[in-house]
C-alpha atoms as a PDB file:
ATOM      1  CA  MET A   1       6.712  -9.162  -6.812  1.00  0.00           C
ATOM      2  CA  HIS A   2       7.566  -9.402 -10.505  1.00  0.00           C
ATOM      3  CA  PRO A   3      10.793 -11.429 -10.951  1.00  0.00           C
ATOM      4  CA  ASN A   4      12.269  -9.162 -13.658  1.00  0.00           C
ATOM      5  CA  PRO A   5      14.961  -7.047 -11.937  1.00  0.00           C
ATOM      6  CA  THR A   6      14.335  -4.254 -14.465  1.00  0.00           C
ATOM      7  CA  PHE A   7      11.123  -3.440 -12.578  1.00  0.00           C
ATOM      8  CA  ARG A   8      12.611  -3.733  -9.088  1.00  0.00           C
ATOM      9  CA  ARG A   9      15.316  -1.072  -8.996  1.00  0.00           C
ATOM     10  CA  THR A  10      13.320   1.968  -7.907  1.00  0.00           C
ATOM     11  CA  GLU A  11      14.857   3.967  -5.068  1.00  0.00           C
ATOM     12  CA  LEU A  12      13.552   2.945  -1.654  1.00  0.00           C
ATOM     13  CA  ALA A  13      12.631   6.540  -0.815  1.00  0.00           C
ATOM     14  CA  ARG A  14      10.281   6.690  -3.811  1.00  0.00           C
ATOM     15  CA  SER A  15       8.562   3.486  -2.744  1.00  0.00           C
ATOM     16  CA  LEU A  16       8.187   4.749   0.822  1.00  0.00           C
ATOM     17  CA  ASP A  17       6.659   7.966  -0.496  1.00  0.00           C
ATOM     18  CA  LEU A  18       4.004   5.840  -2.209  1.00  0.00           C
ATOM     19  CA  VAL A  19       3.374   3.810   0.949  1.00  0.00           C
ATOM     20  CA  ARG A  20       2.895   6.959   3.026  1.00  0.00           C
ATOM     21  CA  ALA A  21       0.710   8.617   0.405  1.00  0.00           C
ATOM     22  CA  ARG A  22      -1.573   5.577   0.199  1.00  0.00           C
ATOM     23  CA  SER A  23      -1.611   4.577   3.902  1.00  0.00           C
ATOM     24  CA  PHE A  24      -3.898   1.696   2.923  1.00  0.00           C
ATOM     25  CA  GLY A  25      -3.035  -1.864   1.991  1.00  0.00           C
ATOM     26  CA  THR A  26      -3.849  -5.563   2.109  1.00  0.00           C
ATOM     27  CA  LEU A  27      -2.548  -7.391   5.174  1.00  0.00           C
ATOM     28  CA  ALA A  28      -1.829 -11.087   4.542  1.00  0.00           C
ATOM     29  CA  VAL A  29      -0.909 -13.884   6.957  1.00  0.00           C
ATOM     30  CA  SER A  30      -0.623 -17.639   6.491  1.00  0.00           C
ATOM     31  CA  ALA A  31      -3.264 -19.923   7.975  1.00  0.00           C
ATOM     32  CA  GLU A  32      -4.752 -23.362   7.494  1.00  0.00           C
ATOM     33  CA  GLY A  33      -6.413 -23.406   4.120  1.00  0.00           C
ATOM     34  CA  ALA A  34      -6.349 -20.100   2.278  1.00  0.00           C
ATOM     35  CA  PRO A  35      -4.255 -17.149   3.563  1.00  0.00           C
ATOM     36  CA  LEU A  36      -6.055 -14.618   5.750  1.00  0.00           C
ATOM     37  CA  LEU A  37      -6.387 -11.148   4.219  1.00  0.00           C
ATOM     38  CA  SER A  38      -7.593  -7.849   5.602  1.00  0.00           C
ATOM     39  CA  HIS A  39      -7.752  -4.410   3.978  1.00  0.00           C
ATOM     40  CA  VAL A  40      -6.418  -1.873   6.455  1.00  0.00           C
ATOM     41  CA  PRO A  41      -5.433   1.773   6.874  1.00  0.00           C
ATOM     42  CA  PHE A  42      -2.070   2.155   8.601  1.00  0.00           C
ATOM     43  CA  LEU A  43       0.612   4.639   9.588  1.00  0.00           C
ATOM     44  CA  LEU A  44       4.242   4.008   8.637  1.00  0.00           C
ATOM     45  CA  SER A  45       6.842   5.099  11.177  1.00  0.00           C
ATOM     46  CA  GLU A  46       9.296   7.830  10.249  1.00  0.00           C
ATOM     47  CA  ASP A  47      12.170   5.359   9.906  1.00  0.00           C
ATOM     48  CA  ALA A  48       9.962   2.784   8.118  1.00  0.00           C
ATOM     49  CA  SER A  49      10.756   0.160  10.746  1.00  0.00           C
ATOM     50  CA  TYR A  50       7.109  -0.505  11.601  1.00  0.00           C
ATOM     51  CA  ALA A  51       3.524   0.188  10.593  1.00  0.00           C
ATOM     52  CA  ASP A  52       0.716   0.615  13.138  1.00  0.00           C
ATOM     53  CA  LEU A  53      -2.821  -0.528  12.363  1.00  0.00           C
ATOM     54  CA  HIS A  54      -5.970  -1.813  14.022  1.00  0.00           C
ATOM     55  CA  LEU A  55      -8.316  -4.720  13.355  1.00  0.00           C
ATOM     56  CA  VAL A  56     -11.841  -5.463  14.478  1.00  0.00           C
ATOM     57  CA  ARG A  57     -11.678  -7.957  17.334  1.00  0.00           C
ATOM     58  CA  SER A  58     -13.664 -10.600  15.407  1.00  0.00           C
ATOM     59  CA  ASN A  59     -11.144 -10.617  12.535  1.00  0.00           C
ATOM     60  CA  PRO A  60      -9.532 -14.097  12.464  1.00  0.00           C
ATOM     61  CA  ILE A  61      -6.109 -12.451  12.017  1.00  0.00           C
ATOM     62  CA  CYS A  62      -6.411 -11.191  15.603  1.00  0.00           C
ATOM     63  CA  ARG A  63      -6.552 -14.737  16.939  1.00  0.00           C
ATOM     64  CA  ALA A  64      -3.778 -15.926  14.641  1.00  0.00           C
ATOM     65  CA  ALA A  65      -1.477 -13.078  15.691  1.00  0.00           C
ATOM     66  CA  ARG A  66      -1.930 -13.304  19.468  1.00  0.00           C
ATOM     67  CA  ASP A  67       1.700 -14.361  19.872  1.00  0.00           C
ATOM     68  CA  GLY A  68       2.984 -12.604  16.761  1.00  0.00           C
ATOM     69  CA  LEU A  69       3.377 -14.164  13.329  1.00  0.00           C
ATOM     70  CA  PRO A  70       4.934 -13.452   9.905  1.00  0.00           C
ATOM     71  CA  ALA A  71       2.847 -11.070   7.809  1.00  0.00           C
ATOM     72  CA  ARG A  72       2.988  -9.013   4.646  1.00  0.00           C
ATOM     73  CA  LEU A  73       1.308  -5.695   3.882  1.00  0.00           C
ATOM     74  CA  ALA A  74       0.802  -5.069   0.149  1.00  0.00           C
ATOM     75  CA  VAL A  75       0.323  -1.462  -0.959  1.00  0.00           C
ATOM     76  CA  ASN A  76      -0.876  -0.848  -4.503  1.00  0.00           C
ATOM     77  CA  GLY A  77      -0.349   2.191  -6.701  1.00  0.00           C
ATOM     78  CA  ALA A  78      -1.537   2.886 -10.243  1.00  0.00           C
ATOM     79  CA  ASP A  79      -2.173   0.030 -12.675  1.00  0.00           C
ATOM     80  CA  GLY A  80      -3.542  -0.526 -16.163  1.00  0.00           C
ATOM     81  CA  TYR A  81      -3.785  -2.842 -19.150  1.00  0.00           C
ATOM     82  CA  VAL A  82      -1.328  -2.160 -21.977  1.00  0.00           C
ATOM     83  CA  SER A  83      -2.368  -3.186 -25.509  1.00  0.00           C
ATOM     84  CA  PRO A  84       0.542  -4.320 -27.734  1.00  0.00           C
ATOM     85  CA  ASP A  85      -0.842  -2.106 -30.518  1.00  0.00           C
ATOM     86  CA  TRP A  86       0.089   0.965 -28.489  1.00  0.00           C
ATOM     87  CA  TYR A  87       3.835   0.321 -28.751  1.00  0.00           C
ATOM     88  CA  GLY A  88       3.892   0.693 -32.532  1.00  0.00           C
ATOM     89  CA  ASP A  89       5.816  -2.567 -32.820  1.00  0.00           C
ATOM     90  CA  PRO A  90       4.160  -5.764 -34.120  1.00  0.00           C
ATOM     91  CA  GLY A  91       6.430  -7.946 -31.976  1.00  0.00           C
ATOM     92  CA  GLN A  92       4.835  -7.004 -28.658  1.00  0.00           C
ATOM     93  CA  VAL A  93       2.296  -8.848 -26.492  1.00  0.00           C
ATOM     94  CA  PRO A  94      -0.415  -7.685 -24.044  1.00  0.00           C
ATOM     95  CA  THR A  95       0.670  -6.880 -20.494  1.00  0.00           C
ATOM     96  CA  TRP A  96      -0.431  -5.088 -17.363  1.00  0.00           C
ATOM     97  CA  ASN A  97       1.685  -2.322 -15.856  1.00  0.00           C
ATOM     98  CA  TYR A  98       1.449  -1.570 -12.151  1.00  0.00           C
ATOM     99  CA  VAL A  99       3.144  -0.262  -9.039  1.00  0.00           C
ATOM    100  CA  ALA A 100       3.191  -2.198  -5.773  1.00  0.00           C
ATOM    101  CA  VAL A 101       5.194  -2.180  -2.542  1.00  0.00           C
ATOM    102  CA  HIS A 102       5.338  -5.074  -0.059  1.00  0.00           C
ATOM    103  CA  LEU A 103       6.208  -4.606   3.615  1.00  0.00           C
ATOM    104  CA  THR A 104       7.174  -7.927   5.207  1.00  0.00           C
ATOM    105  CA  GLY A 105       7.820  -8.640   8.861  1.00  0.00           C
ATOM    106  CA  THR A 106       6.154  -9.752  12.084  1.00  0.00           C
ATOM    107  CA  LEU A 107       2.640  -8.728  13.102  1.00  0.00           C
ATOM    108  CA  GLU A 108       2.463  -8.203  16.867  1.00  0.00           C
ATOM    109  CA  PRO A 109      -0.449  -7.249  19.120  1.00  0.00           C
ATOM    110  CA  LEU A 110      -0.036  -4.022  21.084  1.00  0.00           C
ATOM    111  CA  PRO A 111      -1.408  -3.477  24.605  1.00  0.00           C
ATOM    112  CA  HIS A 112      -5.072  -2.616  24.313  1.00  0.00           C
ATOM    113  CA  ALA A 113      -4.428   0.616  26.210  1.00  0.00           C
ATOM    114  CA  GLN A 114      -2.735   1.876  23.044  1.00  0.00           C
ATOM    115  CA  ILE A 115      -5.917   1.736  20.961  1.00  0.00           C
ATOM    116  CA  ASP A 116      -6.999   5.246  21.927  1.00  0.00           C
ATOM    117  CA  PRO A 117      -3.700   6.996  21.032  1.00  0.00           C
ATOM    118  CA  LEU A 118      -3.397   4.890  17.862  1.00  0.00           C
ATOM    119  CA  LEU A 119      -6.857   5.893  16.652  1.00  0.00           C
ATOM    120  CA  ALA A 120      -6.214   9.516  17.537  1.00  0.00           C
ATOM    121  CA  GLU A 121      -2.902   9.489  15.657  1.00  0.00           C
ATOM    122  CA  GLN A 122      -4.463   7.867  12.588  1.00  0.00           C
ATOM    123  CA  SER A 123      -7.430  10.205  12.417  1.00  0.00           C
ATOM    124  CA  ALA A 124      -5.205  13.254  12.953  1.00  0.00           C
ATOM    125  CA  ALA A 125      -2.872  12.164  10.144  1.00  0.00           C
ATOM    126  CA  PHE A 126      -5.692  11.508   7.689  1.00  0.00           C
ATOM    127  CA  GLU A 127      -7.747  14.562   8.632  1.00  0.00           C
ATOM    128  CA  ALA A 128      -4.668  16.756   8.103  1.00  0.00           C
ATOM    129  CA  ARG A 129      -4.836  15.875   4.409  1.00  0.00           C
ATOM    130  CA  LEU A 130      -8.280  17.465   4.128  1.00  0.00           C
ATOM    131  CA  THR A 131      -7.268  21.060   4.805  1.00  0.00           C
ATOM    132  CA  PRO A 132      -8.813  23.604   4.917  1.00  0.00           C
ATOM    133  CA  LYS A 133     -11.474  21.393   6.528  1.00  0.00           C
ATOM    134  CA  THR A 134     -11.556  21.664  10.325  1.00  0.00           C
ATOM    135  CA  PRO A 135     -10.125  18.324  11.527  1.00  0.00           C
ATOM    136  CA  TRP A 136     -12.399  15.761  13.115  1.00  0.00           C
ATOM    137  CA  THR A 137     -11.099  14.669  16.526  1.00  0.00           C
ATOM    138  CA  MET A 138     -11.891  11.779  18.866  1.00  0.00           C
ATOM    139  CA  ASP A 139     -13.345  14.101  21.509  1.00  0.00           C
ATOM    140  CA  LYS A 140     -16.293  14.758  19.196  1.00  0.00           C
ATOM    141  CA  MET A 141     -17.557  11.236  19.943  1.00  0.00           C
ATOM    142  CA  ASP A 142     -20.064  10.407  22.634  1.00  0.00           C
ATOM    143  CA  PRO A 143     -18.003   8.837  25.490  1.00  0.00           C
ATOM    144  CA  GLU A 144     -20.134   5.689  25.613  1.00  0.00           C
ATOM    145  CA  VAL A 145     -19.958   5.212  21.856  1.00  0.00           C
ATOM    146  CA  ARG A 146     -16.206   5.785  21.960  1.00  0.00           C
ATOM    147  CA  ALA A 147     -15.732   3.215  24.731  1.00  0.00           C
ATOM    148  CA  LYS A 148     -17.859   0.661  22.853  1.00  0.00           C
ATOM    149  CA  LEU A 149     -15.846   1.209  19.671  1.00  0.00           C
ATOM    150  CA  GLN A 150     -12.576   0.748  21.520  1.00  0.00           C
ATOM    151  CA  ARG A 151     -13.743  -2.577  22.941  1.00  0.00           C
ATOM    152  CA  MET A 152     -14.457  -3.827  19.423  1.00  0.00           C
ATOM    153  CA  ILE A 153     -11.011  -3.194  17.903  1.00  0.00           C
ATOM    154  CA  LEU A 154      -7.434  -4.200  18.703  1.00  0.00           C
ATOM    155  CA  PRO A 155      -4.138  -2.411  17.975  1.00  0.00           C
ATOM    156  CA  PHE A 156      -1.296  -4.114  16.090  1.00  0.00           C
ATOM    157  CA  ARG A 157       2.201  -3.295  14.889  1.00  0.00           C
ATOM    158  CA  LEU A 158       3.883  -4.767  11.839  1.00  0.00           C
ATOM    159  CA  ARG A 159       7.614  -4.768  12.568  1.00  0.00           C
ATOM    160  CA  ILE A 160       9.151  -4.490   9.116  1.00  0.00           C
ATOM    161  CA  ASP A 161      12.146  -6.617   8.143  1.00  0.00           C
ATOM    162  CA  GLU A 162      11.980  -6.290   4.359  1.00  0.00           C
ATOM    163  CA  ILE A 163      10.633  -3.818   1.804  1.00  0.00           C
ATOM    164  CA  ASP A 164      10.218  -4.877  -1.837  1.00  0.00           C
ATOM    165  CA  SER A 165       8.712  -2.970  -4.711  1.00  0.00           C
ATOM    166  CA  THR A 166       7.717  -3.450  -8.327  1.00  0.00           C
ATOM    167  CA  TRP A 167       7.390  -0.441 -10.640  1.00  0.00           C
ATOM    168  CA  LYS A 168       6.444  -2.192 -13.888  1.00  0.00           C
ATOM    169  CA  LEU A 169       6.343   0.683 -16.369  1.00  0.00           C
ATOM    170  CA  SER A 170       7.612  -0.844 -19.631  1.00  0.00           C
ATOM    171  CA  GLN A 171      11.217   0.027 -18.761  1.00  0.00           C
ATOM    172  CA  ASN A 172      12.224  -2.971 -20.898  1.00  0.00           C
ATOM    173  CA  LYS A 173      10.973  -1.107 -24.006  1.00  0.00           C
ATOM    174  CA  THR A 174      12.498   1.830 -25.835  1.00  0.00           C
ATOM    175  CA  ALA A 175      11.616   5.295 -24.557  1.00  0.00           C
ATOM    176  CA  GLU A 176       9.637   5.955 -27.738  1.00  0.00           C
ATOM    177  CA  MET A 177       7.577   2.773 -27.342  1.00  0.00           C
ATOM    178  CA  ARG A 178       7.018   3.415 -23.657  1.00  0.00           C
ATOM    179  CA  GLU A 179       5.849   6.989 -24.202  1.00  0.00           C
ATOM    180  CA  SER A 180       3.545   5.936 -27.033  1.00  0.00           C
ATOM    181  CA  ALA A 181       1.884   3.295 -24.872  1.00  0.00           C
ATOM    182  CA  GLY A 182       1.673   5.711 -21.935  1.00  0.00           C
ATOM    183  CA  GLU A 183      -0.252   8.234 -24.015  1.00  0.00           C
ATOM    184  CA  LYS A 184      -2.736   5.705 -25.342  1.00  0.00           C
ATOM    185  CA  LEU A 185      -3.420   3.780 -22.128  1.00  0.00           C
ATOM    186  CA  GLN A 186      -5.251   6.794 -20.694  1.00  0.00           C
ATOM    187  CA  SER A 187      -8.170   5.802 -22.922  1.00  0.00           C
ATOM    188  CA  GLY A 188      -7.999   2.215 -21.637  1.00  0.00           C
ATOM    189  CA  PHE A 189      -8.855   0.732 -18.263  1.00  0.00           C
ATOM    190  CA  GLY A 190      -7.199   0.324 -14.901  1.00  0.00           C
ATOM    191  CA  MET A 191      -6.719   2.455 -11.790  1.00  0.00           C
ATOM    192  CA  ASP A 192      -5.293   5.996 -11.792  1.00  0.00           C
ATOM    193  CA  LEU A 193      -4.324   5.833 -15.461  1.00  0.00           C
ATOM    194  CA  GLY A 194      -3.139   9.439 -15.559  1.00  0.00           C
ATOM    195  CA  THR A 195      -0.523   8.730 -12.902  1.00  0.00           C
ATOM    196  CA  LEU A 196       0.498   5.503 -14.631  1.00  0.00           C
ATOM    197  CA  ALA A 197       0.944   7.316 -17.954  1.00  0.00           C
ATOM    198  CA  THR A 198       3.133   9.952 -16.294  1.00  0.00           C
ATOM    199  CA  LEU A 199       5.266   7.275 -14.643  1.00  0.00           C
ATOM    200  CA  MET A 200       5.706   5.446 -17.948  1.00  0.00           C
ATOM    201  CA  LYS A 201       6.945   8.603 -19.635  1.00  0.00           C
ATOM    202  CA  ASP A 202       9.380   9.299 -16.808  1.00  0.00           C
ATOM    203  CA  PRO A 203      10.071   6.149 -14.717  1.00  0.00           C
ATOM    204  CA  PRO A 204      11.541   6.636 -11.226  1.00  0.00           C
ATOM    205  CA  ALA A 205      15.306   6.590 -10.854  1.00  0.00           C
ATOM    206  CA  ASP A 206      17.052   3.329 -10.086  1.00  0.00           C
ATOM    207  CA  GLU A 207      18.722   2.781  -6.750  1.00  0.00           C
ATOM    208  CA  ALA A 208      22.393   3.724  -6.789  1.00  0.00           C
END
């Protein structure tokens, strides 16, 4: 998370909206040597107290988390490079604007019997976003293939203790400078630049 408090005041509800809209993040746990990372789809509970996910059985995080361990799930939003020329002020320097939310807590294994309902819940949630497409359901799978798949993956729950976010949108600049840079960055490079430009023109409200 960026240390500047100017970028860390966005209302929690807005950050949770992003987390639910993305439903995909980078799971990180500590280990000997480099941290272990895995890129995972997940479902956030209604009260944001936990996130359910699954991992392939051979993932080293599964072994590390057999008895539960601290973990962080990083969820990224829009991001992009900001040229100092775009501010219309010669005193500026290059930077990178971005949105990110971190969910920190304890990663715990769930009973393997929960893998079937977890997969069904995930697929139902994601398929619902594809309307008017007829939703894919688990019962469309061959029973043997389904059983084999379920043996290969394990269910987990991240019990969330802390939620942090950074919405770095040039809030430390004047509105005129911020809007100017937001317009021009759409011709630059990054991810989801249209969304980033909109956010820069109208940053989310601060927490009360």
